[in-house]
Amino acid sequence: MLASANPDKAREMRYVLEEIGFEMVERPPEVPEVEEDGATLEENARLKAKALAEATGLPAIADDTGLEVDALGRAPGVRSARYAGESATYEDNVEKLLDEMERHPDRRARFRSVTIARWPDGREVVAEGVVGGTITHEPRGENGFGYDPVFVPDEGEGKTFAEMERAEKHAISHRGRSLRALAEKLSELDLTSL
């Protein structure tokens, strides 16, 4: 089961996981959103996976992702979704990031994603995916969400994530890498005993 209540993130995770061969169960709408108050990406992913596994009795997969900008001391990091405030939109966060970056010539950044598969009995598998890149001076592209319009991955041939087709993005994205690393770890387990 996907633990994410964010429909954009859930859509991306489902796309990658189903491409790998996982069958995903919809997150029950009656399960409330989980407060992401962890100090790290791993803590937030664990909070979500644990809450959903306990609420449903099914194994759950959750991730947390952060954009780490070198010139900003690796901010926004774990606060990426709330960078411009608790009820910030994607556009609000991007605008704040670009405002903060105006005075910095160093535009290096990375997306980091931590994914956890957790069972109701507390067993879990953790994986991470990272992609380096740079922050643009203005948004470009219509695809994706969040910071995708201002992030050019090193392997992206100069395109932002928002300028890429879905398969192109997920072949190199932090979330795609994290989910594939998780799938590889899961394939080494005897899942019939879990």
C-alpha atoms as a PDB file:
ATOM      1  CA  MET A   1       0.000   0.000   0.000  1.00  0.00           C
ATOM      2  CA  LEU A   2       1.190   3.484  -0.821  1.00  0.00           C
ATOM      3  CA  ALA A   3       1.253   5.542   2.359  1.00  0.00           C
ATOM      4  CA  SER A   4       1.433   8.947   0.668  1.00  0.00           C
ATOM      5  CA  ALA A   5      -1.611  11.214   0.876  1.00  0.00           C
ATOM      6  CA  ASN A   6      -0.074  13.517  -1.771  1.00  0.00           C
ATOM      7  CA  PRO A   7      -1.734  12.507  -5.069  1.00  0.00           C
ATOM      8  CA  ASP A   8       1.180  13.761  -7.202  1.00  0.00           C
ATOM      9  CA  LYS A   9       3.727  11.783  -5.218  1.00  0.00           C
ATOM     10  CA  ALA A  10       1.475   8.704  -5.096  1.00  0.00           C
ATOM     11  CA  ARG A  11       1.047   8.826  -8.885  1.00  0.00           C
ATOM     12  CA  GLU A  12       4.832   8.907  -9.383  1.00  0.00           C
ATOM     13  CA  MET A  13       5.441   6.110  -6.898  1.00  0.00           C
ATOM     14  CA  ARG A  14       2.724   3.932  -8.416  1.00  0.00           C
ATOM     15  CA  TYR A  15       4.122   4.467 -11.915  1.00  0.00           C
ATOM     16  CA  VAL A  16       7.634   3.365 -10.923  1.00  0.00           C
ATOM     17  CA  LEU A  17       6.538   0.493  -8.651  1.00  0.00           C
ATOM     18  CA  GLU A  18       4.088  -0.961 -11.157  1.00  0.00           C
ATOM     19  CA  GLU A  19       6.741  -0.690 -13.870  1.00  0.00           C
ATOM     20  CA  ILE A  20       9.012  -2.791 -11.610  1.00  0.00           C
ATOM     21  CA  GLY A  21       6.215  -5.333 -11.087  1.00  0.00           C
ATOM     22  CA  PHE A  22       4.572  -4.413  -7.785  1.00  0.00           C
ATOM     23  CA  GLU A  23       0.813  -4.367  -7.422  1.00  0.00           C
ATOM     24  CA  MET A  24      -0.156  -1.403  -5.295  1.00  0.00           C
ATOM     25  CA  VAL A  25      -3.275  -1.080  -3.128  1.00  0.00           C
ATOM     26  CA  GLU A  26      -5.007   2.297  -2.854  1.00  0.00           C
ATOM     27  CA  ARG A  27      -4.520   4.213   0.372  1.00  0.00           C
ATOM     28  CA  PRO A  28      -7.847   4.143   2.250  1.00  0.00           C
ATOM     29  CA  PRO A  29      -9.360   7.643   2.273  1.00  0.00           C
ATOM     30  CA  GLU A  30     -10.532   7.228   5.869  1.00  0.00           C
ATOM     31  CA  VAL A  31      -6.948   6.996   7.164  1.00  0.00           C
ATOM     32  CA  PRO A  32      -5.986  10.532   8.231  1.00  0.00           C
ATOM     33  CA  GLU A  33      -2.910  12.301   6.934  1.00  0.00           C
ATOM     34  CA  VAL A  34       0.198  11.736   9.018  1.00  0.00           C
ATOM     35  CA  GLU A  35       1.932  14.724  10.580  1.00  0.00           C
ATOM     36  CA  GLU A  36       5.444  14.822   9.149  1.00  0.00           C
ATOM     37  CA  ASP A  37       7.314  16.244  12.117  1.00  0.00           C
ATOM     38  CA  GLY A  38      10.450  14.120  11.874  1.00  0.00           C
ATOM     39  CA  ALA A  39      13.879  15.762  11.859  1.00  0.00           C
ATOM     40  CA  THR A  40      15.038  13.720   8.845  1.00  0.00           C
ATOM     41  CA  LEU A  41      13.615  12.362   5.604  1.00  0.00           C
ATOM     42  CA  GLU A  42      13.924   8.832   6.974  1.00  0.00           C
ATOM     43  CA  GLU A  43      11.972   9.717  10.113  1.00  0.00           C
ATOM     44  CA  ASN A  44       9.133  11.224   8.059  1.00  0.00           C
ATOM     45  CA  ALA A  45       9.000   8.234   5.698  1.00  0.00           C
ATOM     46  CA  ARG A  46       8.907   5.908   8.713  1.00  0.00           C
ATOM     47  CA  LEU A  47       6.083   7.890  10.365  1.00  0.00           C
ATOM     48  CA  LYS A  48       3.925   7.523   7.250  1.00  0.00           C
ATOM     49  CA  ALA A  49       4.729   3.862   6.576  1.00  0.00           C
ATOM     50  CA  LYS A  50       4.190   2.894  10.218  1.00  0.00           C
ATOM     51  CA  ALA A  51       0.858   4.739  10.478  1.00  0.00           C
ATOM     52  CA  LEU A  52      -0.543   3.106   7.337  1.00  0.00           C
ATOM     53  CA  ALA A  53       0.734  -0.382   8.173  1.00  0.00           C
ATOM     54  CA  GLU A  54      -0.804  -0.157  11.644  1.00  0.00           C
ATOM     55  CA  ALA A  55      -4.099   1.320  10.382  1.00  0.00           C
ATOM     56  CA  THR A  56      -4.614  -1.242   7.619  1.00  0.00           C
ATOM     57  CA  GLY A  57      -2.724  -4.362   8.693  1.00  0.00           C
ATOM     58  CA  LEU A  58      -0.970  -4.348   5.308  1.00  0.00           C
ATOM     59  CA  PRO A  59       2.640  -3.645   4.359  1.00  0.00           C
ATOM     60  CA  ALA A  60       3.046   0.016   3.408  1.00  0.00           C
ATOM     61  CA  ILE A  61       5.565   1.920   1.307  1.00  0.00           C
ATOM     62  CA  ALA A  62       6.264   5.573   2.063  1.00  0.00           C
ATOM     63  CA  ASP A  63       8.861   8.071   1.022  1.00  0.00           C
ATOM     64  CA  ASP A  64       9.990  11.512   1.993  1.00  0.00           C
ATOM     65  CA  THR A  65      11.925  13.719  -0.359  1.00  0.00           C
ATOM     66  CA  GLY A  66      13.913  16.877   0.096  1.00  0.00           C
ATOM     67  CA  LEU A  67      15.641  19.365  -2.152  1.00  0.00           C
ATOM     68  CA  GLU A  68      19.091  20.222  -0.772  1.00  0.00           C
ATOM     69  CA  VAL A  69      20.623  23.428  -2.151  1.00  0.00           C
ATOM     70  CA  ASP A  70      24.324  23.886  -1.420  1.00  0.00           C
ATOM     71  CA  ALA A  71      24.246  27.701  -1.246  1.00  0.00           C
ATOM     72  CA  LEU A  72      21.385  27.543   1.274  1.00  0.00           C
ATOM     73  CA  GLY A  73      23.159  25.173   3.661  1.00  0.00           C
ATOM     74  CA  ARG A  74      21.219  22.224   2.182  1.00  0.00           C
ATOM     75  CA  ALA A  75      17.862  23.918   2.769  1.00  0.00           C
ATOM     76  CA  PRO A  76      14.994  23.462   2.263  1.00  0.00           C
ATOM     77  CA  GLY A  77      15.795  19.769   2.935  1.00  0.00           C
ATOM     78  CA  VAL A  78      13.297  18.021   5.179  1.00  0.00           C
ATOM     79  CA  ARG A  79      11.103  21.156   5.058  1.00  0.00           C
ATOM     80  CA  SER A  80      10.881  21.199   1.242  1.00  0.00           C
ATOM     81  CA  ALA A  81       7.087  20.810   1.106  1.00  0.00           C
ATOM     82  CA  ARG A  82       6.631  23.572   3.699  1.00  0.00           C
ATOM     83  CA  TYR A  83       9.494  25.857   2.698  1.00  0.00           C
ATOM     84  CA  ALA A  84       7.261  28.910   2.196  1.00  0.00           C
ATOM     85  CA  GLY A  85       4.937  28.047   5.104  1.00  0.00           C
ATOM     86  CA  GLU A  86       2.691  25.269   6.396  1.00  0.00           C
ATOM     87  CA  SER A  87       0.014  25.735   3.716  1.00  0.00           C
ATOM     88  CA  ALA A  88       2.382  26.727   0.881  1.00  0.00           C
ATOM     89  CA  THR A  89       1.608  25.729  -2.693  1.00  0.00           C
ATOM     90  CA  TYR A  90       4.200  24.335  -5.079  1.00  0.00           C
ATOM     91  CA  GLU A  91       4.378  27.777  -6.674  1.00  0.00           C
ATOM     92  CA  ASP A  92       4.926  29.480  -3.300  1.00  0.00           C
ATOM     93  CA  ASN A  93       7.848  27.175  -2.525  1.00  0.00           C
ATOM     94  CA  VAL A  94       9.444  27.675  -5.949  1.00  0.00           C
ATOM     95  CA  GLU A  95       9.060  31.449  -5.691  1.00  0.00           C
ATOM     96  CA  LYS A  96      10.706  31.513  -2.250  1.00  0.00           C
ATOM     97  CA  LEU A  97      13.549  29.289  -3.487  1.00  0.00           C
ATOM     98  CA  LEU A  98      14.228  31.494  -6.511  1.00  0.00           C
ATOM     99  CA  ASP A  99      14.118  34.621  -4.323  1.00  0.00           C
ATOM    100  CA  GLU A 100      16.628  33.065  -1.915  1.00  0.00           C
ATOM    101  CA  MET A 101      18.887  32.018  -4.807  1.00  0.00           C
ATOM    102  CA  GLU A 102      19.070  35.494  -6.405  1.00  0.00           C
ATOM    103  CA  ARG A 103      22.169  36.432  -4.423  1.00  0.00           C
ATOM    104  CA  HIS A 104      23.962  33.083  -4.851  1.00  0.00           C
ATOM    105  CA  PRO A 105      26.080  32.217  -7.898  1.00  0.00           C
ATOM    106  CA  ASP A 106      26.421  28.580  -6.741  1.00  0.00           C
ATOM    107  CA  ARG A 107      23.267  26.857  -7.963  1.00  0.00           C
ATOM    108  CA  ARG A 108      24.247  23.243  -7.196  1.00  0.00           C
ATOM    109  CA  ALA A 109      21.566  21.124  -5.556  1.00  0.00           C
ATOM    110  CA  ARG A 110      20.381  17.590  -5.149  1.00  0.00           C
ATOM    111  CA  PHE A 111      17.101  15.800  -4.607  1.00  0.00           C
ATOM    112  CA  ARG A 112      17.254  13.112  -1.924  1.00  0.00           C
ATOM    113  CA  SER A 113      14.486  10.557  -1.464  1.00  0.00           C
ATOM    114  CA  VAL A 114      14.235   7.966   1.329  1.00  0.00           C
ATOM    115  CA  THR A 115      11.749   5.121   0.850  1.00  0.00           C
ATOM    116  CA  ILE A 116      10.644   2.653   3.499  1.00  0.00           C
ATOM    117  CA  ALA A 117       8.625  -0.545   3.186  1.00  0.00           C
ATOM    118  CA  ARG A 118       7.163  -1.433   6.582  1.00  0.00           C
ATOM    119  CA  TRP A 119       5.118  -4.375   7.799  1.00  0.00           C
ATOM    120  CA  PRO A 120       2.553  -4.209  10.613  1.00  0.00           C
ATOM    121  CA  ASP A 121       4.897  -6.191  12.898  1.00  0.00           C
ATOM    122  CA  GLY A 122       7.552  -3.444  12.618  1.00  0.00           C
ATOM    123  CA  ARG A 123       9.946  -5.052  10.157  1.00  0.00           C
ATOM    124  CA  GLU A 124      11.128  -2.643   7.501  1.00  0.00           C
ATOM    125  CA  VAL A 125      13.418  -2.122   4.528  1.00  0.00           C
ATOM    126  CA  VAL A 126      14.972   1.298   3.823  1.00  0.00           C
ATOM    127  CA  ALA A 127      16.421   2.641   0.562  1.00  0.00           C
ATOM    128  CA  GLU A 128      17.662   6.005  -0.681  1.00  0.00           C
ATOM    129  CA  GLY A 129      17.985   7.709  -4.047  1.00  0.00           C
ATOM    130  CA  VAL A 130      19.870  10.897  -4.890  1.00  0.00           C
ATOM    131  CA  VAL A 131      20.197  12.938  -8.068  1.00  0.00           C
ATOM    132  CA  GLY A 132      22.472  15.958  -8.391  1.00  0.00           C
ATOM    133  CA  GLY A 133      21.750  19.000 -10.502  1.00  0.00           C
ATOM    134  CA  THR A 134      21.346  22.764 -10.591  1.00  0.00           C
ATOM    135  CA  ILE A 135      18.618  25.288  -9.874  1.00  0.00           C
ATOM    136  CA  THR A 136      17.438  27.367 -12.838  1.00  0.00           C
ATOM    137  CA  HIS A 137      16.783  31.114 -12.717  1.00  0.00           C
ATOM    138  CA  GLU A 138      13.125  30.682 -13.672  1.00  0.00           C
ATOM    139  CA  PRO A 139      10.614  27.822 -13.955  1.00  0.00           C
ATOM    140  CA  ARG A 140      10.581  25.792 -17.191  1.00  0.00           C
ATOM    141  CA  GLY A 141       8.204  23.045 -18.261  1.00  0.00           C
ATOM    142  CA  GLU A 142       4.678  21.904 -17.514  1.00  0.00           C
ATOM    143  CA  ASN A 143       5.177  18.314 -16.310  1.00  0.00           C
ATOM    144  CA  GLY A 144       5.881  17.086 -12.805  1.00  0.00           C
ATOM    145  CA  PHE A 145       5.228  18.987  -9.589  1.00  0.00           C
ATOM    146  CA  GLY A 146       6.971  20.692  -6.697  1.00  0.00           C
ATOM    147  CA  TYR A 147      10.445  21.938  -7.601  1.00  0.00           C
ATOM    148  CA  ASP A 148      10.531  20.035 -10.930  1.00  0.00           C
ATOM    149  CA  PRO A 149      10.299  23.248 -13.048  1.00  0.00           C
ATOM    150  CA  VAL A 150      13.489  24.680 -11.510  1.00  0.00           C
ATOM    151  CA  PHE A 151      15.673  21.570 -11.164  1.00  0.00           C
ATOM    152  CA  VAL A 152      17.980  20.468 -14.003  1.00  0.00           C
ATOM    153  CA  PRO A 153      19.446  17.038 -13.212  1.00  0.00           C
ATOM    154  CA  ASP A 154      23.067  16.454 -14.219  1.00  0.00           C
ATOM    155  CA  GLU A 155      21.949  13.650 -16.539  1.00  0.00           C
ATOM    156  CA  GLY A 156      19.025  15.604 -17.982  1.00  0.00           C
ATOM    157  CA  GLU A 157      20.694  17.099 -21.081  1.00  0.00           C
ATOM    158  CA  GLY A 158      19.836  20.605 -19.872  1.00  0.00           C
ATOM    159  CA  LYS A 159      16.130  19.931 -19.299  1.00  0.00           C
ATOM    160  CA  THR A 160      14.318  20.477 -16.031  1.00  0.00           C
ATOM    161  CA  PHE A 161      12.350  17.554 -14.627  1.00  0.00           C
ATOM    162  CA  ALA A 162       9.201  19.467 -15.671  1.00  0.00           C
ATOM    163  CA  GLU A 163      10.393  19.502 -19.296  1.00  0.00           C
ATOM    164  CA  MET A 164      10.813  15.713 -19.390  1.00  0.00           C
ATOM    165  CA  GLU A 165       8.351  12.994 -20.248  1.00  0.00           C
ATOM    166  CA  ARG A 166       7.414  10.785 -17.301  1.00  0.00           C
ATOM    167  CA  ALA A 167       9.553   7.763 -18.280  1.00  0.00           C
ATOM    168  CA  GLU A 168      12.550  10.005 -19.010  1.00  0.00           C
ATOM    169  CA  LYS A 169      12.300  11.651 -15.595  1.00  0.00           C
ATOM    170  CA  HIS A 170      11.846   8.446 -13.621  1.00  0.00           C
ATOM    171  CA  ALA A 171      14.787   6.757 -15.300  1.00  0.00           C
ATOM    172  CA  ILE A 172      17.113   9.212 -13.508  1.00  0.00           C
ATOM    173  CA  SER A 173      15.036  10.740 -10.700  1.00  0.00           C
ATOM    174  CA  HIS A 174      15.743  10.467  -6.977  1.00  0.00           C
ATOM    175  CA  ARG A 175      12.366   8.822  -6.381  1.00  0.00           C
ATOM    176  CA  GLY A 176      12.868   6.353  -9.222  1.00  0.00           C
ATOM    177  CA  ARG A 177      16.324   5.461  -7.888  1.00  0.00           C
ATOM    178  CA  SER A 178      15.050   5.076  -4.336  1.00  0.00           C
ATOM    179  CA  LEU A 179      12.128   2.873  -5.372  1.00  0.00           C
ATOM    180  CA  ARG A 180      14.308   0.683  -7.605  1.00  0.00           C
ATOM    181  CA  ALA A 181      16.839   0.302  -4.757  1.00  0.00           C
ATOM    182  CA  LEU A 182      13.976  -0.664  -2.445  1.00  0.00           C
ATOM    183  CA  ALA A 183      12.654  -3.192  -4.983  1.00  0.00           C
ATOM    184  CA  GLU A 184      16.118  -4.723  -5.277  1.00  0.00           C
ATOM    185  CA  LYS A 185      16.359  -5.101  -1.500  1.00  0.00           C
ATOM    186  CA  LEU A 186      12.858  -6.589  -1.361  1.00  0.00           C
ATOM    187  CA  SER A 187      13.710  -9.081  -4.124  1.00  0.00           C
ATOM    188  CA  GLU A 188      16.467 -10.460  -1.878  1.00  0.00           C
ATOM    189  CA  LEU A 189      13.957 -11.219   0.907  1.00  0.00           C
ATOM    190  CA  ASP A 190      11.672 -14.215   1.256  1.00  0.00           C
ATOM    191  CA  LEU A 191       8.471 -12.161   1.128  1.00  0.00           C
ATOM    192  CA  THR A 192       6.309 -15.234   1.800  1.00  0.00           C
ATOM    193  CA  SER A 193       7.618 -15.192   5.391  1.00  0.00           C
ATOM    194  CA  LEU A 194       6.815 -11.516   5.981  1.00  0.00           C
END
